[in-house]
Amino acid sequence: MKERNLLTIKIIFVVILSISIVVYAFYQARNLIQGPTITIGSPANGSLVASPIVVIQGIASNISSIQLNDSPIFVDEDGVFKEKLILSSGYNIIKLSASDRFGREKERLLQLMFKPE
């Protein structure tokens, strides 16, 4: 009976350890599974802008490349980007697109209205 209880305890320990390893692996791989992300910090989407020069700021993660209106831009080691852009008068659509090393892509559109004072 004692041997049977010891065997049961060993099996339970192995099962719990195996489940813990699988959960930890999924937790560590969540960024790879999620793919690229782009968060635009400023300006807010739909903003009315009074200056023709606007600074697009945000954070990108899990990327291998990022483009602003199909031109490559650079991010720092924390994924922060900051780019100046000249707007045309009226309605402007700005496209941010990023891809990861597995070829997955993400795109964000930013709509701004430039009205000179």
C-alpha atoms as a PDB file:
ATOM      1  CA  MET A   1       0.000   0.000   0.000  1.00  0.00           C
ATOM      2  CA  LYS A   2       2.858   2.364   0.839  1.00  0.00           C
ATOM      3  CA  GLU A   3       4.501   1.718  -2.545  1.00  0.00           C
ATOM      4  CA  ARG A   4       1.211   2.475  -4.312  1.00  0.00           C
ATOM      5  CA  ASN A   5       0.864   5.825  -2.500  1.00  0.00           C
ATOM      6  CA  LEU A   6       4.460   6.695  -3.364  1.00  0.00           C
ATOM      7  CA  LEU A   7       3.834   5.853  -7.036  1.00  0.00           C
ATOM      8  CA  THR A   8       0.685   7.993  -7.053  1.00  0.00           C
ATOM      9  CA  ILE A   9       2.601  10.922  -5.575  1.00  0.00           C
ATOM     10  CA  LYS A  10       5.325  10.545  -8.225  1.00  0.00           C
ATOM     11  CA  ILE A  11       2.757  10.486 -11.038  1.00  0.00           C
ATOM     12  CA  ILE A  12       1.000  13.572  -9.670  1.00  0.00           C
ATOM     13  CA  PHE A  13       4.346  15.368  -9.362  1.00  0.00           C
ATOM     14  CA  VAL A  14       5.310  14.511 -12.968  1.00  0.00           C
ATOM     15  CA  VAL A  15       1.909  15.652 -14.290  1.00  0.00           C
ATOM     16  CA  ILE A  16       2.080  18.960 -12.395  1.00  0.00           C
ATOM     17  CA  LEU A  17       5.656  19.527 -13.560  1.00  0.00           C
ATOM     18  CA  SER A  18       4.701  18.778 -17.179  1.00  0.00           C
ATOM     19  CA  ILE A  19       1.726  21.143 -17.068  1.00  0.00           C
ATOM     20  CA  SER A  20       3.899  23.854 -15.512  1.00  0.00           C
ATOM     21  CA  ILE A  21       6.492  23.507 -18.281  1.00  0.00           C
ATOM     22  CA  VAL A  22       3.843  23.732 -21.025  1.00  0.00           C
ATOM     23  CA  VAL A  23       2.195  26.795 -19.425  1.00  0.00           C
ATOM     24  CA  TYR A  24       5.573  28.503 -19.005  1.00  0.00           C
ATOM     25  CA  ALA A  25       6.511  27.764 -22.643  1.00  0.00           C
ATOM     26  CA  PHE A  26       3.257  29.301 -23.920  1.00  0.00           C
ATOM     27  CA  TYR A  27       3.753  32.311 -21.655  1.00  0.00           C
ATOM     28  CA  GLN A  28       7.271  32.898 -23.009  1.00  0.00           C
ATOM     29  CA  ALA A  29       6.141  32.376 -26.619  1.00  0.00           C
ATOM     30  CA  ARG A  30       3.115  34.694 -26.397  1.00  0.00           C
ATOM     31  CA  ASN A  31       4.906  37.502 -28.271  1.00  0.00           C
ATOM     32  CA  LEU A  32       5.881  35.175 -31.081  1.00  0.00           C
ATOM     33  CA  ILE A  33       2.344  33.838 -31.291  1.00  0.00           C
ATOM     34  CA  GLN A  34       0.788  37.318 -31.159  1.00  0.00           C
ATOM     35  CA  GLY A  35       2.754  38.752 -34.088  1.00  0.00           C
ATOM     36  CA  PRO A  36       3.667  42.402 -34.654  1.00  0.00           C
ATOM     37  CA  THR A  37       1.856  45.174 -32.783  1.00  0.00           C
ATOM     38  CA  ILE A  38       1.737  48.912 -33.473  1.00  0.00           C
ATOM     39  CA  THR A  39       0.447  51.443 -30.956  1.00  0.00           C
ATOM     40  CA  ILE A  40       0.215  55.072 -32.068  1.00  0.00           C
ATOM     41  CA  GLY A  41       0.716  57.399 -29.095  1.00  0.00           C
ATOM     42  CA  SER A  42       0.245  60.738 -30.801  1.00  0.00           C
ATOM     43  CA  PRO A  43      -1.398  62.422 -32.558  1.00  0.00           C
ATOM     44  CA  ALA A  44      -4.805  60.937 -31.871  1.00  0.00           C
ATOM     45  CA  ASN A  45      -6.679  59.461 -34.802  1.00  0.00           C
ATOM     46  CA  GLY A  46      -9.082  61.996 -36.324  1.00  0.00           C
ATOM     47  CA  SER A  47      -7.242  65.012 -34.907  1.00  0.00           C
ATOM     48  CA  LEU A  48      -7.455  68.488 -36.387  1.00  0.00           C
ATOM     49  CA  VAL A  49      -3.896  69.766 -36.810  1.00  0.00           C
ATOM     50  CA  ALA A  50      -2.918  73.440 -37.228  1.00  0.00           C
ATOM     51  CA  SER A  51       0.724  72.892 -38.234  1.00  0.00           C
ATOM     52  CA  PRO A  52       1.845  71.258 -41.495  1.00  0.00           C
ATOM     53  CA  ILE A  53       4.556  69.336 -39.639  1.00  0.00           C
ATOM     54  CA  VAL A  54       3.338  66.597 -37.343  1.00  0.00           C
ATOM     55  CA  VAL A  55       5.329  64.180 -35.182  1.00  0.00           C
ATOM     56  CA  ILE A  56       4.081  60.611 -35.300  1.00  0.00           C
ATOM     57  CA  GLN A  57       5.023  58.761 -32.090  1.00  0.00           C
ATOM     58  CA  GLY A  58       4.301  55.299 -30.835  1.00  0.00           C
ATOM     59  CA  ILE A  59       5.539  51.875 -29.898  1.00  0.00           C
ATOM     60  CA  ALA A  60       5.987  48.804 -32.064  1.00  0.00           C
ATOM     61  CA  SER A  61       6.799  45.360 -30.748  1.00  0.00           C
ATOM     62  CA  ASN A  62       7.654  41.978 -32.224  1.00  0.00           C
ATOM     63  CA  ILE A  63       8.758  43.554 -35.508  1.00  0.00           C
ATOM     64  CA  SER A  64      11.617  43.083 -37.930  1.00  0.00           C
ATOM     65  CA  SER A  65      10.716  46.132 -40.049  1.00  0.00           C
ATOM     66  CA  ILE A  66       8.346  49.099 -39.908  1.00  0.00           C
ATOM     67  CA  GLN A  67       7.290  51.616 -42.553  1.00  0.00           C
ATOM     68  CA  LEU A  68       5.559  54.983 -42.478  1.00  0.00           C
ATOM     69  CA  ASN A  69       3.738  55.568 -45.783  1.00  0.00           C
ATOM     70  CA  ASP A  70       5.846  52.756 -47.313  1.00  0.00           C
ATOM     71  CA  SER A  71       9.158  54.359 -46.259  1.00  0.00           C
ATOM     72  CA  PRO A  72      11.241  52.556 -43.633  1.00  0.00           C
ATOM     73  CA  ILE A  73      11.545  54.168 -40.225  1.00  0.00           C
ATOM     74  CA  PHE A  74      13.622  53.204 -37.228  1.00  0.00           C
ATOM     75  CA  VAL A  75      12.732  52.186 -33.698  1.00  0.00           C
ATOM     76  CA  ASP A  76      14.928  52.155 -30.616  1.00  0.00           C
ATOM     77  CA  GLU A  77      15.650  49.035 -28.578  1.00  0.00           C
ATOM     78  CA  ASP A  78      12.386  49.522 -26.645  1.00  0.00           C
ATOM     79  CA  GLY A  79      10.336  49.691 -29.856  1.00  0.00           C
ATOM     80  CA  VAL A  80       9.665  53.440 -29.627  1.00  0.00           C
ATOM     81  CA  PHE A  81       9.417  55.353 -32.893  1.00  0.00           C
ATOM     82  CA  LYS A  82       9.197  59.101 -33.528  1.00  0.00           C
ATOM     83  CA  GLU A  83       8.995  60.522 -37.064  1.00  0.00           C
ATOM     84  CA  LYS A  84       8.199  63.953 -38.478  1.00  0.00           C
ATOM     85  CA  LEU A  85       5.832  64.139 -41.425  1.00  0.00           C
ATOM     86  CA  ILE A  86       4.659  67.023 -43.594  1.00  0.00           C
ATOM     87  CA  LEU A  87       0.904  67.074 -44.120  1.00  0.00           C
ATOM     88  CA  SER A  88      -0.916  68.352 -47.159  1.00  0.00           C
ATOM     89  CA  SER A  89      -3.796  70.762 -46.672  1.00  0.00           C
ATOM     90  CA  GLY A  90      -7.043  68.984 -45.849  1.00  0.00           C
ATOM     91  CA  TYR A  91      -7.609  65.307 -45.127  1.00  0.00           C
ATOM     92  CA  ASN A  92      -4.529  63.064 -44.700  1.00  0.00           C
ATOM     93  CA  ILE A  93      -4.307  59.302 -44.281  1.00  0.00           C
ATOM     94  CA  ILE A  94      -1.039  58.041 -42.802  1.00  0.00           C
ATOM     95  CA  LYS A  95      -0.194  54.340 -43.007  1.00  0.00           C
ATOM     96  CA  LEU A  96       2.044  52.551 -40.518  1.00  0.00           C
ATOM     97  CA  SER A  97       2.842  48.961 -41.387  1.00  0.00           C
ATOM     98  CA  ALA A  98       5.100  46.455 -39.686  1.00  0.00           C
ATOM     99  CA  SER A  99       6.149  42.883 -40.281  1.00  0.00           C
ATOM    100  CA  ASP A 100       7.837  40.280 -38.142  1.00  0.00           C
ATOM    101  CA  ARG A 101      10.497  37.744 -39.065  1.00  0.00           C
ATOM    102  CA  PHE A 102       7.816  35.166 -39.897  1.00  0.00           C
ATOM    103  CA  GLY A 103       6.230  37.392 -42.561  1.00  0.00           C
ATOM    104  CA  ARG A 104       3.157  38.337 -40.542  1.00  0.00           C
ATOM    105  CA  GLU A 105       2.075  41.933 -41.099  1.00  0.00           C
ATOM    106  CA  LYS A 106       0.092  44.514 -39.176  1.00  0.00           C
ATOM    107  CA  GLU A 107      -1.161  47.851 -40.499  1.00  0.00           C
ATOM    108  CA  ARG A 108      -2.545  50.915 -38.738  1.00  0.00           C
ATOM    109  CA  LEU A 109      -4.114  53.925 -40.451  1.00  0.00           C
ATOM    110  CA  LEU A 110      -4.000  57.374 -38.896  1.00  0.00           C
ATOM    111  CA  GLN A 111      -6.421  59.980 -40.219  1.00  0.00           C
ATOM    112  CA  LEU A 112      -5.586  63.638 -39.662  1.00  0.00           C
ATOM    113  CA  MET A 113      -7.124  66.882 -40.863  1.00  0.00           C
ATOM    114  CA  PHE A 114      -4.687  69.741 -41.513  1.00  0.00           C
ATOM    115  CA  LYS A 115      -6.365  73.128 -41.522  1.00  0.00           C
ATOM    116  CA  PRO A 116      -3.947  76.085 -41.697  1.00  0.00           C
ATOM    117  CA  GLU A 117      -4.795  78.986 -39.428  1.00  0.00           C
END
